[in-house]
Amino acid sequence: MGYNCLLFEKQGNVTTITLNRQDVFNAFNDEQSYELQDALKAVKKDEETRVVVLTGAGKAFCSGQDLKAIAGVEKRSFIESLQKRYNPIIREMRNMPKPIICKLNGVAAGAGCSLALASDFIVASENASLIEVFINVGLVLDSGSSFFLPRLVGSARAFELSTMGSKVTAKQAYEWGMVNRCVPADQLDAETDAIVQYYAKAPTKAIGLMKKMLNRSFNSDLEAMLEYEMYCQEIAGSSSDNKEGVTAFIEKRQPNFTGK
């Protein structure tokens, strides 16, 4: 697929989306935000893709909004920008019925931090960092950070990180539960590939259902989740992968899941 601000690569059942505006540390302009929406929609529809990798080109993951790109705009509507550009990206990510692995190769700032936190699994280089920089320009959290951040680090740390714009190193982020893995920079590709290969062979339908369940659990009580578990288990129990998993268990072999 042809994009100006993204690299889009598909290998087998793995699709990698790379933010590619290296000269501005992959900061978002209008074009990149709309291209990312399009790429996520394309991956969602692609039945062959079973896992998505999201990363940045060069030294950064994403430095947030490109402030120079909007410097000439006399009166900017933040509501319109979020409605049309950023919120659709976060919704597409959370509604994606397959896992999104963030390969955090460098700084993730502002909306870039939100993008990382909206992923399902984060593998971070020791050189990477996360920072909610909104306060530095007199703005508030957006693109989902006010939702994800307190759930990951608790309200006290979330308040500090958002109101002081404190940088979180990859090591701190791992200790605080913000990222799943933290590895030396020269091991980032290998560690990410190991995680990706696991999910590429996993029962994708079940994972997509569990993603929906975990999303819903944030705003549900126990009774509601017990009901939703029954509904999702009925769907998972009718899948080809459930049949294969049971057969493989009985035959004492590794299952060959197809994601269906």
Protein backbone atom coordinates (compact mmCIF):
# COMPACT_ATOMS: atom_id res chain seq x y z
CA MET A 1 0.00 0.00 0.00
CA GLY A 2 1.30 3.45 -0.89
CA TYR A 3 1.68 5.97 1.94
CA ASN A 4 3.76 9.13 2.27
CA CYS A 5 4.16 9.14 6.04
CA LEU A 6 4.00 5.43 6.83
CA LEU A 7 5.77 2.24 5.88
CA PHE A 8 3.33 -0.65 5.48
CA GLU A 9 4.81 -4.13 5.25
CA LYS A 10 3.09 -7.48 5.30
CA GLN A 11 4.99 -10.73 5.75
CA GLY A 12 2.80 -13.81 5.99
CA ASN A 13 0.25 -13.17 8.72
CA VAL A 14 2.18 -10.27 10.32
CA THR A 15 1.67 -6.66 9.26
CA THR A 16 4.08 -3.94 10.40
CA ILE A 17 3.07 -0.27 10.36
CA THR A 18 5.97 2.15 10.79
CA LEU A 19 5.52 5.87 11.40
CA ASN A 20 7.94 7.45 8.95
CA ARG A 21 8.59 11.16 9.40
CA GLN A 22 12.10 10.79 10.75
CA ASP A 23 13.08 14.44 10.34
CA VAL A 24 10.51 15.41 13.01
CA PHE A 25 10.83 12.24 15.11
CA ASN A 26 7.68 10.84 13.51
CA ALA A 27 5.48 13.65 14.84
CA PHE A 28 1.92 13.74 13.55
CA ASN A 29 0.76 16.03 10.81
CA ASP A 30 -2.69 15.72 9.26
CA GLU A 31 -1.49 13.35 6.53
CA GLN A 32 0.16 10.89 8.89
CA SER A 33 -2.88 10.73 11.17
CA TYR A 34 -5.25 10.00 8.27
CA GLU A 35 -2.86 7.47 6.77
CA LEU A 36 -2.60 5.63 10.09
CA GLN A 37 -6.39 5.48 10.32
CA ASP A 38 -6.50 4.00 6.83
CA ALA A 39 -3.74 1.48 7.55
CA LEU A 40 -5.45 0.26 10.72
CA LYS A 41 -8.76 -0.15 8.89
CA ALA A 42 -7.01 -2.11 6.14
CA VAL A 43 -5.36 -4.45 8.66
CA LYS A 44 -8.65 -4.96 10.49
CA LYS A 45 -10.31 -6.12 7.26
CA ASP A 46 -7.38 -8.32 6.22
CA GLU A 47 -8.29 -11.85 7.28
CA GLU A 48 -4.73 -13.09 6.70
CA THR A 49 -3.17 -10.71 9.24
CA ARG A 50 -3.16 -12.18 12.75
CA VAL A 51 -0.85 -9.74 14.52
CA VAL A 52 0.05 -6.08 13.97
CA VAL A 53 3.38 -4.41 14.83
CA LEU A 54 3.41 -0.64 15.37
CA THR A 55 6.75 1.17 15.51
CA GLY A 56 8.64 4.28 14.43
CA ALA A 57 11.38 4.84 11.88
CA GLY A 58 14.77 6.10 13.00
CA LYS A 59 15.53 7.06 16.60
CA ALA A 60 11.99 7.88 17.82
CA PHE A 61 8.66 6.14 18.13
CA CYS A 62 6.49 9.26 17.90
CA SER A 63 7.02 12.74 19.35
CA GLY A 64 3.32 13.65 19.28
CA GLN A 65 1.75 16.50 17.35
CA ASP A 66 4.00 18.33 14.91
CA LEU A 67 3.59 21.84 16.33
CA LYS A 68 5.35 23.45 13.37
CA ALA A 69 2.77 21.91 11.02
CA ILE A 70 -0.02 23.84 12.75
CA ALA A 71 1.93 27.00 13.59
CA GLY A 72 0.31 28.98 10.76
CA VAL A 73 -3.26 28.03 11.65
CA GLU A 74 -4.93 31.16 13.03
CA LYS A 75 -7.81 29.55 14.91
CA ARG A 76 -7.51 25.82 15.45
CA SER A 77 -10.37 23.68 16.73
CA PHE A 78 -9.00 21.09 19.11
CA ILE A 79 -12.36 19.33 19.16
CA GLU A 80 -12.27 18.92 15.39
CA SER A 81 -8.64 17.77 15.44
CA LEU A 82 -9.33 15.11 18.03
CA GLN A 83 -12.63 14.00 16.50
CA LYS A 84 -11.20 13.62 13.00
CA ARG A 85 -7.55 12.75 13.57
CA TYR A 86 -6.58 11.20 16.89
CA ASN A 87 -9.67 9.65 18.46
CA PRO A 88 -10.43 7.48 15.39
CA ILE A 89 -6.89 6.05 15.62
CA ILE A 90 -7.31 5.05 19.27
CA ARG A 91 -10.75 3.57 18.60
CA GLU A 92 -9.42 1.53 15.68
CA MET A 93 -6.61 0.20 17.86
CA ARG A 94 -8.83 -0.80 20.76
CA ASN A 95 -11.49 -2.31 18.47
CA MET A 96 -8.92 -4.25 16.44
CA PRO A 97 -9.86 -7.96 16.78
CA LYS A 98 -6.20 -8.97 16.76
CA PRO A 99 -3.21 -8.03 18.93
CA ILE A 100 -1.21 -4.85 18.33
CA ILE A 101 2.41 -5.11 19.43
CA CYS A 102 4.16 -1.78 19.98
CA LYS A 103 7.89 -1.93 19.25
CA LEU A 104 8.91 1.10 21.30
CA ASN A 105 12.20 2.04 19.72
CA GLY A 106 12.58 5.57 21.11
CA VAL A 107 10.72 8.48 22.67
CA ALA A 108 6.92 8.36 22.80
CA ALA A 109 5.66 11.83 23.69
CA GLY A 110 2.21 13.38 23.90
CA ALA A 111 -0.10 11.71 21.41
CA GLY A 112 2.79 9.34 20.68
CA CYS A 113 2.68 8.22 24.32
CA SER A 114 -1.07 7.71 24.01
CA LEU A 115 -0.50 5.65 20.87
CA ALA A 116 1.93 3.36 22.69
CA LEU A 117 -0.34 2.95 25.72
CA ALA A 118 -3.29 2.06 23.46
CA SER A 119 -1.36 -0.95 22.13
CA ASP A 120 -1.95 -4.42 23.55
CA PHE A 121 1.67 -5.36 24.23
CA ILE A 122 4.71 -3.06 24.45
CA VAL A 123 8.28 -4.20 23.89
CA ALA A 124 10.56 -1.29 24.77
CA SER A 125 14.19 -0.58 24.05
CA GLU A 126 16.17 0.54 27.09
CA ASN A 127 16.76 3.75 25.12
CA ALA A 128 13.04 4.46 24.87
CA SER A 129 11.01 6.77 27.09
CA LEU A 130 7.43 7.89 27.56
CA ILE A 131 6.39 11.43 28.41
CA GLU A 132 3.04 13.18 28.64
CA VAL A 133 4.24 16.56 27.36
CA PHE A 134 0.83 18.23 27.06
CA ILE A 135 1.35 20.36 30.20
CA ASN A 136 4.46 21.93 28.66
CA VAL A 137 2.28 23.76 26.15
CA GLY A 138 -0.64 24.36 28.51
CA LEU A 139 -2.78 21.49 27.27
CA VAL A 140 -4.42 18.46 28.87
CA LEU A 141 -4.09 14.74 28.20
CA ASP A 142 -5.79 13.52 25.03
CA SER A 143 -5.87 10.59 22.60
CA GLY A 144 -6.86 8.26 25.42
CA SER A 145 -4.05 8.98 27.89
CA SER A 146 -6.50 10.07 30.61
CA PHE A 147 -8.06 6.60 30.28
CA PHE A 148 -4.98 4.39 29.96
CA LEU A 149 -2.47 6.14 32.23
CA PRO A 150 -4.26 5.93 35.63
CA ARG A 151 -5.27 2.34 34.94
CA LEU A 152 -1.63 1.40 34.35
CA VAL A 153 0.19 3.39 37.06
CA GLY A 154 -2.53 4.45 39.55
CA SER A 155 -4.03 7.87 40.16
CA ALA A 156 -1.14 9.37 42.15
CA ARG A 157 1.53 8.62 39.55
CA ALA A 158 -0.84 9.51 36.72
CA PHE A 159 -1.41 12.94 38.26
CA GLU A 160 2.32 13.53 38.66
CA LEU A 161 3.24 12.35 35.17
CA SER A 162 0.51 14.39 33.51
CA THR A 163 0.81 17.62 35.49
CA MET A 164 4.61 17.72 35.68
CA GLY A 165 5.39 16.26 32.26
CA SER A 166 7.86 13.86 33.84
CA LYS A 167 9.84 11.58 31.56
CA VAL A 168 9.53 7.87 32.28
CA THR A 169 12.47 5.75 31.21
CA ALA A 170 11.80 2.35 29.68
CA LYS A 171 13.17 0.69 32.82
CA GLN A 172 10.82 2.71 35.05
CA ALA A 173 7.93 2.03 32.67
CA TYR A 174 8.59 -1.71 32.98
CA GLU A 175 8.76 -1.54 36.78
CA TRP A 176 5.51 0.46 36.87
CA GLY A 177 3.66 -1.89 34.53
CA MET A 178 3.44 0.53 31.59
CA VAL A 179 5.33 -1.77 29.21
CA ASN A 180 5.57 -5.57 28.99
CA ARG A 181 9.26 -5.95 28.14
CA CYS A 182 12.37 -3.77 28.43
CA VAL A 183 15.45 -4.97 26.57
CA PRO A 184 18.79 -3.57 25.34
CA ALA A 185 18.44 -1.69 22.07
CA ASP A 186 20.34 -4.33 20.12
CA GLN A 187 17.85 -6.98 21.30
CA LEU A 188 14.67 -5.05 20.49
CA ASP A 189 14.11 -6.65 17.09
CA ALA A 190 14.70 -10.20 18.34
CA GLU A 191 12.50 -9.79 21.43
CA THR A 192 9.70 -8.21 19.42
CA ASP A 193 9.92 -10.94 16.81
CA ALA A 194 9.63 -13.64 19.49
CA ILE A 195 6.45 -12.03 20.84
CA VAL A 196 5.07 -11.52 17.35
CA GLN A 197 5.71 -15.12 16.35
CA TYR A 198 3.82 -16.33 19.42
CA TYR A 199 0.75 -14.27 18.52
CA ALA A 200 1.04 -15.10 14.83
CA LYS A 201 0.46 -18.76 15.73
CA ALA A 202 -2.05 -18.21 18.53
CA PRO A 203 -5.87 -18.59 18.36
CA THR A 204 -6.60 -15.10 17.01
CA LYS A 205 -10.37 -15.24 17.43
CA ALA A 206 -10.05 -16.06 21.13
CA ILE A 207 -7.50 -13.27 21.58
CA GLY A 208 -9.80 -10.78 19.86
CA LEU A 209 -12.65 -11.80 22.14
CA MET A 210 -10.47 -11.51 25.24
CA LYS A 211 -9.40 -8.04 24.11
CA LYS A 212 -13.08 -7.04 23.98
CA MET A 213 -13.67 -8.57 27.41
CA LEU A 214 -10.75 -6.74 29.02
CA ASN A 215 -11.85 -3.46 27.44
CA ARG A 216 -15.35 -3.93 28.81
CA SER A 217 -14.18 -4.93 32.29
CA PHE A 218 -13.01 -1.36 32.99
CA ASN A 219 -16.61 -0.16 33.12
CA SER A 220 -18.50 -3.28 34.25
CA ASP A 221 -19.34 -5.00 37.50
CA LEU A 222 -18.83 -8.70 38.22
CA GLU A 223 -22.32 -9.78 37.17
CA ALA A 224 -22.03 -7.98 33.84
CA MET A 225 -18.69 -9.62 33.15
CA LEU A 226 -19.96 -13.08 34.09
CA GLU A 227 -22.71 -12.63 31.51
CA TYR A 228 -20.31 -11.34 28.87
CA GLU A 229 -17.88 -14.19 29.52
CA MET A 230 -20.64 -16.67 28.77
CA TYR A 231 -21.46 -14.90 25.52
CA CYS A 232 -17.82 -14.78 24.39
CA GLN A 233 -17.09 -18.34 25.48
CA GLU A 234 -19.96 -19.59 23.33
CA ILE A 235 -18.38 -17.90 20.31
CA ALA A 236 -14.88 -19.16 21.14
CA GLY A 237 -16.21 -22.65 21.77
CA SER A 238 -17.63 -22.77 18.25
CA SER A 239 -14.31 -21.84 16.63
CA SER A 240 -12.07 -24.10 14.59
CA ASP A 241 -9.19 -23.27 16.92
CA ASN A 242 -11.09 -24.61 19.94
CA LYS A 243 -11.68 -27.86 18.07
CA GLU A 244 -8.03 -28.03 17.08
CA GLY A 245 -6.84 -27.23 20.60
CA VAL A 246 -8.89 -30.01 22.15
CA THR A 247 -7.82 -32.51 19.47
CA ALA A 248 -4.15 -31.57 19.92
CA PHE A 249 -4.45 -31.98 23.70
CA ILE A 250 -5.94 -35.46 23.32
CA GLU A 251 -3.32 -36.42 20.72
CA LYS A 252 -0.53 -34.98 22.91
CA ARG A 253 0.86 -32.65 20.23
CA GLN A 254 1.22 -28.93 19.65
CA PRO A 255 -1.95 -27.34 18.24
CA ASN A 256 -1.89 -25.82 14.76
CA PHE A 257 -4.12 -22.80 15.22
CA THR A 258 -5.39 -20.97 12.12
CA GLY A 259 -6.95 -17.99 13.85
CA LYS A 260 -10.48 -19.05 12.91
